[in-house]
Amino acid sequence: MKAVISSLLFALGFIPISVLAGDQSGSVQDIRIASLTNWNASHVMINGAWNSRPACATIGWWAFDIDTPSGRAMLATLLTAKVTGKTVILWGAGTCTLNGVMETLLQVSIQP
């Protein structure tokens, strides 16, 4: 078992940092709503340090798709945080598939 874990950790050392997912926590600064059917993803900007930002994410926005149930749930969480002044934590995909310069948002958590 130790050998398997050691091998896995060794192999992970060869993964470039740019493929690791980013995360960020802070207050919601701005939310912009769009639809992928109109060729643009919705996006959000958070105040706070962005950890492990992928190389493709060259501007300070996170992209998400409100044309999906999970995207609408993320929007509701972000709007709630904005209105109540709560801190959110965002986790990304490590890629910029919805917008070539914004990390794709995978998960949102609102903090107590």
N, C-alpha and C. Protein backbone atom coordinates (compact mmCIF):
# COMPACT_ATOMS: atom_id res chain seq x y z
N MET A 1 0.82 -1.19 0.00
CA MET A 1 0.00 0.00 0.00
C MET A 1 0.87 1.26 0.00
N LYS A 2 1.94 1.26 0.81
CA LYS A 2 2.84 2.41 0.85
C LYS A 2 3.47 2.67 -0.51
N ALA A 3 3.82 1.59 -1.21
CA ALA A 3 4.44 1.73 -2.52
C ALA A 3 3.47 2.37 -3.52
N VAL A 4 2.20 2.01 -3.44
CA VAL A 4 1.20 2.57 -4.35
C VAL A 4 1.04 4.06 -4.08
N ILE A 5 0.95 4.44 -2.82
CA ILE A 5 0.80 5.85 -2.46
C ILE A 5 2.03 6.64 -2.89
N SER A 6 3.21 6.09 -2.65
CA SER A 6 4.45 6.76 -3.06
C SER A 6 4.49 6.96 -4.57
N SER A 7 4.10 5.93 -5.31
CA SER A 7 4.09 6.03 -6.78
C SER A 7 3.10 7.09 -7.25
N LEU A 8 1.94 7.14 -6.61
CA LEU A 8 0.93 8.12 -6.98
C LEU A 8 1.43 9.53 -6.70
N LEU A 9 2.00 9.76 -5.54
CA LEU A 9 2.53 11.08 -5.22
C LEU A 9 3.67 11.47 -6.17
N PHE A 10 4.51 10.52 -6.53
CA PHE A 10 5.59 10.77 -7.49
C PHE A 10 5.01 11.19 -8.84
N ALA A 11 3.99 10.46 -9.29
CA ALA A 11 3.37 10.76 -10.59
C ALA A 11 2.69 12.13 -10.57
N LEU A 12 2.07 12.49 -9.47
CA LEU A 12 1.40 13.79 -9.37
C LEU A 12 2.39 14.93 -9.46
N GLY A 13 3.64 14.69 -9.09
CA GLY A 13 4.66 15.71 -9.18
C GLY A 13 4.96 16.14 -10.60
N PHE A 14 4.57 15.34 -11.58
CA PHE A 14 4.81 15.66 -12.98
C PHE A 14 3.65 16.39 -13.64
N ILE A 15 2.57 16.63 -12.91
CA ILE A 15 1.43 17.36 -13.45
C ILE A 15 1.76 18.84 -13.39
N PRO A 16 1.69 19.55 -14.51
CA PRO A 16 1.97 20.98 -14.48
C PRO A 16 0.96 21.72 -13.61
N ILE A 17 1.42 22.74 -12.94
CA ILE A 17 0.55 23.51 -12.05
C ILE A 17 -0.64 24.11 -12.79
N SER A 18 -0.52 24.38 -14.08
CA SER A 18 -1.59 25.01 -14.84
C SER A 18 -2.81 24.11 -14.99
N VAL A 19 -2.68 22.80 -14.79
CA VAL A 19 -3.85 21.93 -14.93
C VAL A 19 -4.55 21.73 -13.61
N LEU A 20 -4.01 22.26 -12.53
CA LEU A 20 -4.68 22.16 -11.24
C LEU A 20 -5.77 23.22 -11.15
N ALA A 21 -6.83 22.88 -10.46
CA ALA A 21 -7.96 23.79 -10.35
C ALA A 21 -7.67 24.93 -9.39
N GLY A 22 -8.24 26.09 -9.70
CA GLY A 22 -8.10 27.24 -8.85
C GLY A 22 -9.19 27.29 -7.79
N ASP A 23 -8.96 28.13 -6.79
CA ASP A 23 -9.98 28.41 -5.79
C ASP A 23 -9.80 29.85 -5.32
N GLN A 24 -10.87 30.43 -4.81
CA GLN A 24 -10.84 31.81 -4.35
C GLN A 24 -11.95 32.00 -3.32
N SER A 25 -11.67 32.77 -2.30
CA SER A 25 -12.72 33.11 -1.34
C SER A 25 -12.74 34.61 -1.13
N GLY A 26 -13.93 35.12 -0.86
CA GLY A 26 -14.10 36.55 -0.64
C GLY A 26 -15.54 36.96 -0.88
N SER A 27 -15.75 38.25 -0.94
CA SER A 27 -17.10 38.76 -1.20
C SER A 27 -17.33 38.89 -2.71
N VAL A 28 -18.59 38.82 -3.11
CA VAL A 28 -18.95 38.94 -4.52
C VAL A 28 -18.84 40.41 -4.91
N GLN A 29 -17.99 40.70 -5.87
CA GLN A 29 -17.80 42.07 -6.34
C GLN A 29 -18.76 42.40 -7.48
N ASP A 30 -18.88 41.49 -8.46
CA ASP A 30 -19.70 41.77 -9.64
C ASP A 30 -20.18 40.46 -10.24
N ILE A 31 -21.40 40.45 -10.75
CA ILE A 31 -21.97 39.29 -11.45
C ILE A 31 -22.52 39.79 -12.77
N ARG A 32 -22.16 39.11 -13.84
CA ARG A 32 -22.68 39.46 -15.17
C ARG A 32 -23.38 38.24 -15.75
N ILE A 33 -24.59 38.43 -16.19
CA ILE A 33 -25.43 37.33 -16.66
C ILE A 33 -25.49 37.33 -18.18
N ALA A 34 -25.26 36.18 -18.74
CA ALA A 34 -25.33 35.99 -20.20
C ALA A 34 -25.78 34.55 -20.45
N SER A 35 -25.91 34.20 -21.69
CA SER A 35 -26.35 32.85 -22.06
C SER A 35 -25.41 32.28 -23.10
N LEU A 36 -24.99 31.04 -22.90
CA LEU A 36 -24.13 30.41 -23.90
C LEU A 36 -24.81 30.30 -25.25
N THR A 37 -26.15 30.26 -25.24
CA THR A 37 -26.85 30.22 -26.53
C THR A 37 -26.65 31.52 -27.29
N ASN A 38 -26.25 32.58 -26.58
CA ASN A 38 -25.92 33.86 -27.23
C ASN A 38 -24.41 34.09 -27.28
N TRP A 39 -23.65 33.01 -27.17
CA TRP A 39 -22.20 33.01 -27.35
C TRP A 39 -21.40 33.66 -26.22
N ASN A 40 -21.95 33.66 -25.00
CA ASN A 40 -21.19 34.21 -23.89
C ASN A 40 -21.59 33.51 -22.61
N ALA A 41 -20.64 33.25 -21.74
CA ALA A 41 -20.92 32.64 -20.44
C ALA A 41 -21.20 33.74 -19.42
N SER A 42 -22.02 33.42 -18.44
CA SER A 42 -22.16 34.32 -17.30
C SER A 42 -20.85 34.29 -16.53
N HIS A 43 -20.57 35.35 -15.77
CA HIS A 43 -19.31 35.36 -15.04
C HIS A 43 -19.42 36.18 -13.77
N VAL A 44 -18.53 35.88 -12.84
CA VAL A 44 -18.52 36.51 -11.53
C VAL A 44 -17.10 36.90 -11.15
N MET A 45 -16.99 38.02 -10.42
CA MET A 45 -15.70 38.47 -9.90
C MET A 45 -15.82 38.51 -8.37
N ILE A 46 -14.80 37.96 -7.71
CA ILE A 46 -14.76 37.87 -6.26
C ILE A 46 -13.58 38.69 -5.75
N ASN A 47 -13.77 39.38 -4.61
CA ASN A 47 -12.65 40.05 -3.93
C ASN A 47 -11.90 39.00 -3.12
N GLY A 48 -10.61 38.90 -3.31
CA GLY A 48 -9.82 37.93 -2.54
C GLY A 48 -8.75 37.30 -3.40
N ALA A 49 -7.79 36.67 -2.75
CA ALA A 49 -6.68 36.03 -3.46
C ALA A 49 -7.16 34.79 -4.19
N TRP A 50 -6.68 34.62 -5.41
CA TRP A 50 -7.03 33.48 -6.26
C TRP A 50 -5.87 32.50 -6.20
N ASN A 51 -6.11 31.31 -5.70
CA ASN A 51 -5.08 30.29 -5.56
C ASN A 51 -5.08 29.36 -6.77
N SER A 52 -3.90 29.03 -7.24
CA SER A 52 -3.72 28.07 -8.34
C SER A 52 -4.49 28.46 -9.60
N ARG A 53 -4.48 29.71 -9.94
CA ARG A 53 -5.16 30.18 -11.16
C ARG A 53 -4.51 29.52 -12.37
N PRO A 54 -5.30 28.89 -13.26
CA PRO A 54 -4.71 28.30 -14.46
C PRO A 54 -4.18 29.38 -15.41
N ALA A 55 -3.22 29.04 -16.22
CA ALA A 55 -2.59 30.00 -17.13
C ALA A 55 -3.60 30.64 -18.09
N CYS A 56 -4.66 29.92 -18.43
CA CYS A 56 -5.64 30.45 -19.37
C CYS A 56 -6.48 31.57 -18.76
N ALA A 57 -6.60 31.61 -17.44
CA ALA A 57 -7.44 32.61 -16.76
C ALA A 57 -6.65 33.90 -16.59
N THR A 58 -6.69 34.72 -17.63
CA THR A 58 -5.86 35.92 -17.66
C THR A 58 -6.55 37.16 -17.11
N ILE A 59 -7.86 37.06 -16.83
CA ILE A 59 -8.57 38.17 -16.20
C ILE A 59 -9.22 37.65 -14.92
N GLY A 60 -9.70 38.52 -14.07
CA GLY A 60 -10.17 38.12 -12.75
C GLY A 60 -11.62 37.68 -12.66
N TRP A 61 -12.10 36.98 -13.64
CA TRP A 61 -13.49 36.51 -13.66
C TRP A 61 -13.56 35.00 -13.70
N TRP A 62 -14.64 34.45 -13.16
CA TRP A 62 -14.95 33.01 -13.25
C TRP A 62 -16.17 32.86 -14.15
N ALA A 63 -16.14 31.91 -15.08
CA ALA A 63 -17.26 31.70 -16.01
C ALA A 63 -18.13 30.53 -15.55
N PHE A 64 -19.46 30.68 -15.75
CA PHE A 64 -20.39 29.59 -15.47
C PHE A 64 -21.56 29.68 -16.44
N ASP A 65 -22.30 28.58 -16.57
CA ASP A 65 -23.35 28.46 -17.57
C ASP A 65 -24.72 28.46 -16.91
N ILE A 66 -25.47 29.56 -17.04
CA ILE A 66 -26.80 29.61 -16.42
C ILE A 66 -27.85 28.86 -17.24
N ASP A 67 -27.46 28.28 -18.36
CA ASP A 67 -28.38 27.46 -19.14
C ASP A 67 -28.49 26.04 -18.57
N THR A 68 -27.81 25.77 -17.45
CA THR A 68 -27.85 24.45 -16.81
C THR A 68 -28.42 24.59 -15.40
N PRO A 69 -29.01 23.53 -14.86
CA PRO A 69 -29.51 23.60 -13.48
C PRO A 69 -28.41 23.95 -12.46
N SER A 70 -27.22 23.39 -12.62
CA SER A 70 -26.15 23.70 -11.67
C SER A 70 -25.70 25.15 -11.81
N GLY A 71 -25.69 25.68 -13.02
CA GLY A 71 -25.33 27.08 -13.23
C GLY A 71 -26.35 28.03 -12.60
N ARG A 72 -27.63 27.68 -12.69
CA ARG A 72 -28.67 28.50 -12.06
C ARG A 72 -28.57 28.42 -10.54
N ALA A 73 -28.21 27.26 -10.01
CA ALA A 73 -28.03 27.12 -8.56
C ALA A 73 -26.83 27.95 -8.10
N MET A 74 -25.74 27.95 -8.89
CA MET A 74 -24.58 28.77 -8.55
C MET A 74 -24.96 30.25 -8.56
N LEU A 75 -25.74 30.66 -9.56
CA LEU A 75 -26.18 32.06 -9.64
C LEU A 75 -27.00 32.43 -8.41
N ALA A 76 -27.92 31.57 -8.00
CA ALA A 76 -28.74 31.85 -6.81
C ALA A 76 -27.86 31.99 -5.57
N THR A 77 -26.86 31.14 -5.44
CA THR A 77 -25.95 31.21 -4.30
C THR A 77 -25.14 32.49 -4.33
N LEU A 78 -24.63 32.85 -5.50
CA LEU A 78 -23.85 34.08 -5.64
C LEU A 78 -24.69 35.32 -5.35
N LEU A 79 -25.92 35.35 -5.85
CA LEU A 79 -26.81 36.49 -5.59
C LEU A 79 -27.14 36.60 -4.10
N THR A 80 -27.39 35.46 -3.46
CA THR A 80 -27.65 35.46 -2.02
C THR A 80 -26.46 36.03 -1.26
N ALA A 81 -25.25 35.59 -1.64
CA ALA A 81 -24.04 36.09 -0.98
C ALA A 81 -23.87 37.58 -1.20
N LYS A 82 -24.14 38.04 -2.40
CA LYS A 82 -24.01 39.46 -2.72
C LYS A 82 -24.96 40.30 -1.87
N VAL A 83 -26.22 39.89 -1.80
CA VAL A 83 -27.24 40.64 -1.08
C VAL A 83 -26.98 40.63 0.43
N THR A 84 -26.52 39.50 0.96
CA THR A 84 -26.33 39.37 2.41
C THR A 84 -24.93 39.77 2.87
N GLY A 85 -24.03 40.00 1.91
CA GLY A 85 -22.66 40.35 2.27
C GLY A 85 -21.83 39.18 2.78
N LYS A 86 -22.28 37.96 2.51
CA LYS A 86 -21.56 36.76 2.96
C LYS A 86 -20.36 36.47 2.07
N THR A 87 -19.40 35.79 2.64
CA THR A 87 -18.22 35.33 1.90
C THR A 87 -18.57 34.06 1.14
N VAL A 88 -18.03 33.92 -0.06
CA VAL A 88 -18.17 32.68 -0.83
C VAL A 88 -16.80 32.08 -1.08
N ILE A 89 -16.79 30.79 -1.31
CA ILE A 89 -15.60 30.09 -1.79
C ILE A 89 -15.95 29.52 -3.15
N LEU A 90 -15.08 29.76 -4.13
CA LEU A 90 -15.27 29.24 -5.49
C LEU A 90 -14.18 28.22 -5.78
N TRP A 91 -14.55 27.16 -6.47
CA TRP A 91 -13.60 26.17 -6.94
C TRP A 91 -13.80 26.00 -8.45
N GLY A 92 -12.71 25.92 -9.17
CA GLY A 92 -12.78 25.84 -10.62
C GLY A 92 -12.35 24.51 -11.19
N ALA A 93 -12.44 24.44 -12.50
CA ALA A 93 -12.10 23.23 -13.25
C ALA A 93 -10.63 23.17 -13.62
N GLY A 94 -9.93 24.28 -13.49
CA GLY A 94 -8.54 24.32 -13.95
C GLY A 94 -8.43 24.53 -15.44
N THR A 95 -9.58 24.81 -16.09
CA THR A 95 -9.63 25.04 -17.53
C THR A 95 -10.49 26.27 -17.80
N CYS A 96 -10.47 26.71 -19.02
CA CYS A 96 -11.26 27.88 -19.44
C CYS A 96 -12.17 27.50 -20.60
N THR A 97 -12.99 26.47 -20.41
CA THR A 97 -13.79 25.94 -21.52
C THR A 97 -14.99 26.81 -21.88
N LEU A 98 -15.56 27.54 -20.94
CA LEU A 98 -16.74 28.37 -21.24
C LEU A 98 -16.37 29.74 -21.81
N ASN A 99 -15.19 30.21 -21.43
CA ASN A 99 -14.66 31.48 -21.93
C ASN A 99 -13.15 31.34 -21.90
N GLY A 100 -12.50 31.60 -22.99
CA GLY A 100 -11.07 31.33 -23.13
C GLY A 100 -10.14 32.05 -22.17
N VAL A 101 -10.65 33.08 -21.45
CA VAL A 101 -9.79 33.82 -20.53
C VAL A 101 -10.30 33.79 -19.09
N MET A 102 -11.33 32.96 -18.81
CA MET A 102 -11.90 32.84 -17.47
C MET A 102 -11.94 31.38 -17.06
N GLU A 103 -11.52 31.10 -15.81
CA GLU A 103 -11.61 29.71 -15.34
C GLU A 103 -13.08 29.31 -15.21
N THR A 104 -13.38 28.09 -15.63
CA THR A 104 -14.73 27.56 -15.53
C THR A 104 -15.03 27.20 -14.08
N LEU A 105 -16.12 27.73 -13.56
CA LEU A 105 -16.54 27.54 -12.18
C LEU A 105 -17.24 26.18 -12.04
N LEU A 106 -16.82 25.41 -11.03
CA LEU A 106 -17.45 24.12 -10.79
C LEU A 106 -18.28 24.07 -9.52
N GLN A 107 -17.89 24.85 -8.51
CA GLN A 107 -18.58 24.75 -7.22
C GLN A 107 -18.53 26.09 -6.50
N VAL A 108 -19.63 26.41 -5.80
CA VAL A 108 -19.74 27.63 -5.00
C VAL A 108 -20.22 27.25 -3.61
N SER A 109 -19.60 27.83 -2.60
CA SER A 109 -20.01 27.62 -1.22
C SER A 109 -20.21 28.97 -0.56
N ILE A 110 -21.35 29.16 0.08
CA ILE A 110 -21.58 30.40 0.84
C ILE A 110 -21.25 30.11 2.29
N GLN A 111 -20.52 31.03 2.92
CA GLN A 111 -20.04 30.83 4.28
C GLN A 111 -20.98 31.44 5.30
N PRO A 112 -21.03 30.86 6.50
CA PRO A 112 -21.93 31.39 7.53
C PRO A 112 -21.53 32.79 7.98
